Amino acid sequence: MLKMTELTKLSKEELGKKESDLRKDLFDLKIQKTLGTLEKSATLKKLRRDIARVKTAQNAAKA
């Protein structure tokens, strides 16, 4: 789980990279879910929230 204090220290490029990595992980977990091999379904929720935190930090950096 990512913390906002960690995210505010990152640059815009690092935030973009972090978001793309999280989205790739989320995609992989969604595939696992459809195949029935996902062990912990709570990780989907955690990843979605981490992506939201990164996007919030990106918007805060724009302002």
PDB file of N, CA and C in Angstrom:
ATOM      1  N   MET A   1       0.842  -1.174   0.000  1.00  0.00           N
ATOM      2  CA  MET A   1       0.000   0.000   0.000  1.00  0.00           C
ATOM      3  C   MET A   1       0.885   1.234   0.000  1.00  0.00           C
ATOM      4  N   LEU A   2       0.588   2.136  -0.886  1.00  0.00           N
ATOM      5  CA  LEU A   2       1.351   3.365  -1.014  1.00  0.00           C
ATOM      6  C   LEU A   2       0.792   4.428  -0.078  1.00  0.00           C
ATOM      7  N   LYS A   3       1.673   5.292   0.410  1.00  0.00           N
ATOM      8  CA  LYS A   3       1.242   6.378   1.276  1.00  0.00           C
ATOM      9  C   LYS A   3       1.407   7.694   0.523  1.00  0.00           C
ATOM     10  N   MET A   4       0.522   8.636   0.808  1.00  0.00           N
ATOM     11  CA  MET A   4       0.557   9.913   0.112  1.00  0.00           C
ATOM     12  C   MET A   4       1.856  10.665   0.390  1.00  0.00           C
ATOM     13  N   THR A   5       2.421  10.510   1.582  1.00  0.00           N
ATOM     14  CA  THR A   5       3.676  11.204   1.879  1.00  0.00           C
ATOM     15  C   THR A   5       4.792  10.705   0.978  1.00  0.00           C
ATOM     16  N   GLU A   6       4.771   9.428   0.645  1.00  0.00           N
ATOM     17  CA  GLU A   6       5.767   8.874  -0.275  1.00  0.00           C
ATOM     18  C   GLU A   6       5.535   9.407  -1.688  1.00  0.00           C
ATOM     19  N   LEU A   7       4.282   9.488  -2.077  1.00  0.00           N
ATOM     20  CA  LEU A   7       3.947   9.888  -3.441  1.00  0.00           C
ATOM     21  C   LEU A   7       4.217  11.365  -3.694  1.00  0.00           C
ATOM     22  N   THR A   8       4.053  12.206  -2.690  1.00  0.00           N
ATOM     23  CA  THR A   8       4.272  13.630  -2.898  1.00  0.00           C
ATOM     24  C   THR A   8       5.753  13.940  -3.118  1.00  0.00           C
ATOM     25  N   LYS A   9       6.628  13.041  -2.706  1.00  0.00           N
ATOM     26  CA  LYS A   9       8.066  13.237  -2.886  1.00  0.00           C
ATOM     27  C   LYS A   9       8.537  12.843  -4.288  1.00  0.00           C
ATOM     28  N   LEU A  10       7.699  12.141  -5.034  1.00  0.00           N
ATOM     29  CA  LEU A  10       8.088  11.662  -6.360  1.00  0.00           C
ATOM     30  C   LEU A  10       7.881  12.741  -7.426  1.00  0.00           C
ATOM     31  N   SER A  11       8.667  12.667  -8.482  1.00  0.00           N
ATOM     32  CA  SER A  11       8.513  13.599  -9.593  1.00  0.00           C
ATOM     33  C   SER A  11       7.345  13.167 -10.481  1.00  0.00           C
ATOM     34  N   LYS A  12       6.993  14.014 -11.430  1.00  0.00           N
ATOM     35  CA  LYS A  12       5.881  13.705 -12.335  1.00  0.00           C
ATOM     36  C   LYS A  12       6.176  12.456 -13.160  1.00  0.00           C
ATOM     37  N   GLU A  13       7.425  12.322 -13.606  1.00  0.00           N
ATOM     38  CA  GLU A  13       7.798  11.152 -14.407  1.00  0.00           C
ATOM     39  C   GLU A  13       7.717   9.867 -13.574  1.00  0.00           C
ATOM     40  N   GLU A  14       8.173   9.963 -12.329  1.00  0.00           N
ATOM     41  CA  GLU A  14       8.125   8.791 -11.460  1.00  0.00           C
ATOM     42  C   GLU A  14       6.686   8.402 -11.143  1.00  0.00           C
ATOM     43  N   LEU A  15       5.817   9.404 -10.962  1.00  0.00           N
ATOM     44  CA  LEU A  15       4.401   9.118 -10.719  1.00  0.00           C
ATOM     45  C   LEU A  15       3.766   8.445 -11.928  1.00  0.00           C
ATOM     46  N   GLY A  16       4.112   8.912 -13.126  1.00  0.00           N
ATOM     47  CA  GLY A  16       3.590   8.288 -14.339  1.00  0.00           C
ATOM     48  C   GLY A  16       4.046   6.856 -14.470  1.00  0.00           C
ATOM     49  N   LYS A  17       5.312   6.603 -14.154  1.00  0.00           N
ATOM     50  CA  LYS A  17       5.847   5.238 -14.210  1.00  0.00           C
ATOM     51  C   LYS A  17       5.157   4.359 -13.179  1.00  0.00           C
ATOM     52  N   LYS A  18       4.960   4.899 -11.977  1.00  0.00           N
ATOM     53  CA  LYS A  18       4.305   4.146 -10.905  1.00  0.00           C
ATOM     54  C   LYS A  18       2.879   3.789 -11.311  1.00  0.00           C
ATOM     55  N   GLU A  19       2.172   4.744 -11.944  1.00  0.00           N
ATOM     56  CA  GLU A  19       0.797   4.484 -12.376  1.00  0.00           C
ATOM     57  C   GLU A  19       0.756   3.388 -13.443  1.00  0.00           C
ATOM     58  N   SER A  20       1.648   3.460 -14.402  1.00  0.00           N
ATOM     59  CA  SER A  20       1.646   2.447 -15.459  1.00  0.00           C
ATOM     60  C   SER A  20       1.992   1.066 -14.901  1.00  0.00           C
ATOM     61  N   ASP A  21       2.905   1.008 -13.946  1.00  0.00           N
ATOM     62  CA  ASP A  21       3.239  -0.268 -13.312  1.00  0.00           C
ATOM     63  C   ASP A  21       2.043  -0.842 -12.555  1.00  0.00           C
ATOM     64  N   LEU A  22       1.348   0.024 -11.819  1.00  0.00           N
ATOM     65  CA  LEU A  22       0.184  -0.429 -11.060  1.00  0.00           C
ATOM     66  C   LEU A  22      -0.935  -0.895 -11.989  1.00  0.00           C
ATOM     67  N   ARG A  23      -1.125  -0.180 -13.101  1.00  0.00           N
ATOM     68  CA  ARG A  23      -2.162  -0.584 -14.059  1.00  0.00           C
ATOM     69  C   ARG A  23      -1.834  -1.936 -14.698  1.00  0.00           C
ATOM     70  N   LYS A  24      -0.547  -2.170 -14.962  1.00  0.00           N
ATOM     71  CA  LYS A  24      -0.140  -3.455 -15.520  1.00  0.00           C
ATOM     72  C   LYS A  24      -0.404  -4.576 -14.508  1.00  0.00           C
ATOM     73  N   ASP A  25      -0.063  -4.312 -13.245  1.00  0.00           N
ATOM     74  CA  ASP A  25      -0.320  -5.299 -12.198  1.00  0.00           C
ATOM     75  C   ASP A  25      -1.813  -5.580 -12.061  1.00  0.00           C
ATOM     76  N   LEU A  26      -2.628  -4.522 -12.130  1.00  0.00           N
ATOM     77  CA  LEU A  26      -4.073  -4.691 -12.026  1.00  0.00           C
ATOM     78  C   LEU A  26      -4.601  -5.526 -13.183  1.00  0.00           C
ATOM     79  N   PHE A  27      -4.095  -5.272 -14.382  1.00  0.00           N
ATOM     80  CA  PHE A  27      -4.506  -6.045 -15.551  1.00  0.00           C
ATOM     81  C   PHE A  27      -4.165  -7.529 -15.357  1.00  0.00           C
ATOM     82  N   ASP A  28      -2.939  -7.791 -14.890  1.00  0.00           N
ATOM     83  CA  ASP A  28      -2.520  -9.175 -14.668  1.00  0.00           C
ATOM     84  C   ASP A  28      -3.407  -9.870 -13.635  1.00  0.00           C
ATOM     85  N   LEU A  29      -3.763  -9.148 -12.577  1.00  0.00           N
ATOM     86  CA  LEU A  29      -4.616  -9.745 -11.545  1.00  0.00           C
ATOM     87  C   LEU A  29      -6.033  -9.985 -12.061  1.00  0.00           C
ATOM     88  N   LYS A  30      -6.519  -9.098 -12.932  1.00  0.00           N
ATOM     89  CA  LYS A  30      -7.851  -9.311 -13.510  1.00  0.00           C
ATOM     90  C   LYS A  30      -7.854 -10.560 -14.389  1.00  0.00           C
ATOM     91  N   ILE A  31      -6.759 -10.787 -15.100  1.00  0.00           N
ATOM     92  CA  ILE A  31      -6.644 -12.001 -15.909  1.00  0.00           C
ATOM     93  C   ILE A  31      -6.650 -13.225 -14.998  1.00  0.00           C
ATOM     94  N   GLN A  32      -5.883 -13.157 -13.921  1.00  0.00           N
ATOM     95  CA  GLN A  32      -5.847 -14.271 -12.968  1.00  0.00           C
ATOM     96  C   GLN A  32      -7.235 -14.537 -12.387  1.00  0.00           C
ATOM     97  N   LYS A  33      -7.982 -13.468 -12.122  1.00  0.00           N
ATOM     98  CA  LYS A  33      -9.325 -13.624 -11.566  1.00  0.00           C
ATOM     99  C   LYS A  33     -10.234 -14.367 -12.539  1.00  0.00           C
ATOM    100  N   THR A  34     -10.158 -14.004 -13.821  1.00  0.00           N
ATOM    101  CA  THR A  34     -11.019 -14.662 -14.797  1.00  0.00           C
ATOM    102  C   THR A  34     -10.614 -16.119 -15.003  1.00  0.00           C
ATOM    103  N   LEU A  35      -9.328 -16.409 -14.848  1.00  0.00           N
ATOM    104  CA  LEU A  35      -8.865 -17.792 -14.991  1.00  0.00           C
ATOM    105  C   LEU A  35      -9.111 -18.609 -13.736  1.00  0.00           C
ATOM    106  N   GLY A  36      -9.412 -17.932 -12.633  1.00  0.00           N
ATOM    107  CA  GLY A  36      -9.674 -18.631 -11.387  1.00  0.00           C
ATOM    108  C   GLY A  36      -8.419 -18.962 -10.602  1.00  0.00           C
ATOM    109  N   THR A  37      -7.300 -18.313 -10.917  1.00  0.00           N
ATOM    110  CA  THR A  37      -6.059 -18.602 -10.207  1.00  0.00           C
ATOM    111  C   THR A  37      -5.678 -17.515  -9.210  1.00  0.00           C
ATOM    112  N   LEU A  38      -6.539 -16.523  -9.022  1.00  0.00           N
ATOM    113  CA  LEU A  38      -6.256 -15.434  -8.093  1.00  0.00           C
ATOM    114  C   LEU A  38      -6.470 -15.923  -6.669  1.00  0.00           C
ATOM    115  N   GLU A  39      -5.442 -15.768  -5.836  1.00  0.00           N
ATOM    116  CA  GLU A  39      -5.531 -16.265  -4.461  1.00  0.00           C
ATOM    117  C   GLU A  39      -6.193 -15.258  -3.528  1.00  0.00           C
ATOM    118  N   LYS A  40      -5.787 -13.994  -3.624  1.00  0.00           N
ATOM    119  CA  LYS A  40      -6.338 -12.980  -2.727  1.00  0.00           C
ATOM    120  C   LYS A  40      -7.039 -11.909  -3.553  1.00  0.00           C
ATOM    121  N   SER A  41      -8.344 -11.913  -3.515  1.00  0.00           N
ATOM    122  CA  SER A  41      -9.098 -10.957  -4.321  1.00  0.00           C
ATOM    123  C   SER A  41      -9.021  -9.548  -3.744  1.00  0.00           C
ATOM    124  N   ALA A  42      -8.610  -9.409  -2.508  1.00  0.00           N
ATOM    125  CA  ALA A  42      -8.497  -8.085  -1.896  1.00  0.00           C
ATOM    126  C   ALA A  42      -7.384  -7.265  -2.536  1.00  0.00           C
ATOM    127  N   THR A  43      -6.447  -7.925  -3.197  1.00  0.00           N
ATOM    128  CA  THR A  43      -5.361  -7.186  -3.840  1.00  0.00           C
ATOM    129  C   THR A  43      -5.879  -6.319  -4.984  1.00  0.00           C
ATOM    130  N   LEU A  44      -6.983  -6.707  -5.615  1.00  0.00           N
ATOM    131  CA  LEU A  44      -7.582  -5.891  -6.669  1.00  0.00           C
ATOM    132  C   LEU A  44      -8.029  -4.545  -6.102  1.00  0.00           C
ATOM    133  N   LYS A  45      -8.689  -4.588  -4.967  1.00  0.00           N
ATOM    134  CA  LYS A  45      -9.165  -3.369  -4.329  1.00  0.00           C
ATOM    135  C   LYS A  45      -7.991  -2.485  -3.909  1.00  0.00           C
ATOM    136  N   LYS A  46      -6.951  -3.088  -3.364  1.00  0.00           N
ATOM    137  CA  LYS A  46      -5.782  -2.324  -2.925  1.00  0.00           C
ATOM    138  C   LYS A  46      -5.093  -1.653  -4.106  1.00  0.00           C
ATOM    139  N   LEU A  47      -4.993  -2.363  -5.222  1.00  0.00           N
ATOM    140  CA  LEU A  47      -4.349  -1.790  -6.400  1.00  0.00           C
ATOM    141  C   LEU A  47      -5.161  -0.634  -6.974  1.00  0.00           C
ATOM    142  N   ARG A  48      -6.484  -0.795  -7.020  1.00  0.00           N
ATOM    143  CA  ARG A  48      -7.335   0.289  -7.512  1.00  0.00           C
ATOM    144  C   ARG A  48      -7.174   1.535  -6.654  1.00  0.00           C
ATOM    145  N   ARG A  49      -7.081   1.351  -5.358  1.00  0.00           N
ATOM    146  CA  ARG A  49      -6.926   2.494  -4.455  1.00  0.00           C
ATOM    147  C   ARG A  49      -5.536   3.117  -4.585  1.00  0.00           C
ATOM    148  N   ASP A  50      -4.521   2.291  -4.807  1.00  0.00           N
ATOM    149  CA  ASP A  50      -3.173   2.824  -5.019  1.00  0.00           C
ATOM    150  C   ASP A  50      -3.122   3.661  -6.303  1.00  0.00           C
ATOM    151  N   ILE A  51      -3.797   3.189  -7.349  1.00  0.00           N
ATOM    152  CA  ILE A  51      -3.854   3.948  -8.598  1.00  0.00           C
ATOM    153  C   ILE A  51      -4.539   5.290  -8.351  1.00  0.00           C
ATOM    154  N   ALA A  52      -5.603   5.288  -7.570  1.00  0.00           N
ATOM    155  CA  ALA A  52      -6.309   6.533  -7.260  1.00  0.00           C
ATOM    156  C   ALA A  52      -5.402   7.482  -6.478  1.00  0.00           C
ATOM    157  N   ARG A  53      -4.608   6.945  -5.558  1.00  0.00           N
ATOM    158  CA  ARG A  53      -3.677   7.789  -4.804  1.00  0.00           C
ATOM    159  C   ARG A  53      -2.635   8.420  -5.733  1.00  0.00           C
ATOM    160  N   VAL A  54      -2.135   7.635  -6.668  1.00  0.00           N
ATOM    161  CA  VAL A  54      -1.132   8.158  -7.603  1.00  0.00           C
ATOM    162  C   VAL A  54      -1.743   9.255  -8.468  1.00  0.00           C
ATOM    163  N   LYS A  55      -2.966   9.032  -8.949  1.00  0.00           N
ATOM    164  CA  LYS A  55      -3.618  10.040  -9.784  1.00  0.00           C
ATOM    165  C   LYS A  55      -3.899  11.312  -8.978  1.00  0.00           C
ATOM    166  N   THR A  56      -4.240  11.176  -7.705  1.00  0.00           N
ATOM    167  CA  THR A  56      -4.450  12.333  -6.852  1.00  0.00           C
ATOM    168  C   THR A  56      -3.153  13.106  -6.686  1.00  0.00           C
ATOM    169  N   ALA A  57      -2.055  12.399  -6.484  1.00  0.00           N
ATOM    170  CA  ALA A  57      -0.748  13.055  -6.351  1.00  0.00           C
ATOM    171  C   ALA A  57      -0.355  13.750  -7.653  1.00  0.00           C
ATOM    172  N   GLN A  58      -0.684  13.142  -8.797  1.00  0.00           N
ATOM    173  CA  GLN A  58      -0.389  13.777 -10.077  1.00  0.00           C
ATOM    174  C   GLN A  58      -1.169  15.071 -10.237  1.00  0.00           C
ATOM    175  N   ASN A  59      -2.446  15.048  -9.873  1.00  0.00           N
ATOM    176  CA  ASN A  59      -3.265  16.258  -9.980  1.00  0.00           C
ATOM    177  C   ASN A  59      -2.793  17.331  -9.018  1.00  0.00           C
ATOM    178  N   ALA A  60      -2.351  16.942  -7.841  1.00  0.00           N
ATOM    179  CA  ALA A  60      -1.842  17.912  -6.870  1.00  0.00           C
ATOM    180  C   ALA A  60      -0.542  18.534  -7.377  1.00  0.00           C
ATOM    181  N   ALA A  61       0.251  17.766  -8.097  1.00  0.00           N
ATOM    182  CA  ALA A  61       1.517  18.275  -8.612  1.00  0.00           C
ATOM    183  C   ALA A  61       1.278  19.285  -9.739  1.00  0.00           C
ATOM    184  N   LYS A  62       0.170  19.138 -10.459  1.00  0.00           N
ATOM    185  CA  LYS A  62      -0.164  20.075 -11.544  1.00  0.00           C
ATOM    186  C   LYS A  62      -0.526  21.456 -10.991  1.00  0.00           C
ATOM    187  N   ALA A  63      -1.179  21.458  -9.845  1.00  0.00           N
ATOM    188  CA  ALA A  63      -1.663  22.727  -9.271  1.00  0.00           C
ATOM    189  C   ALA A  63      -0.570  23.524  -8.619  1.00  0.00           C
TER     190      ALA A  63
END
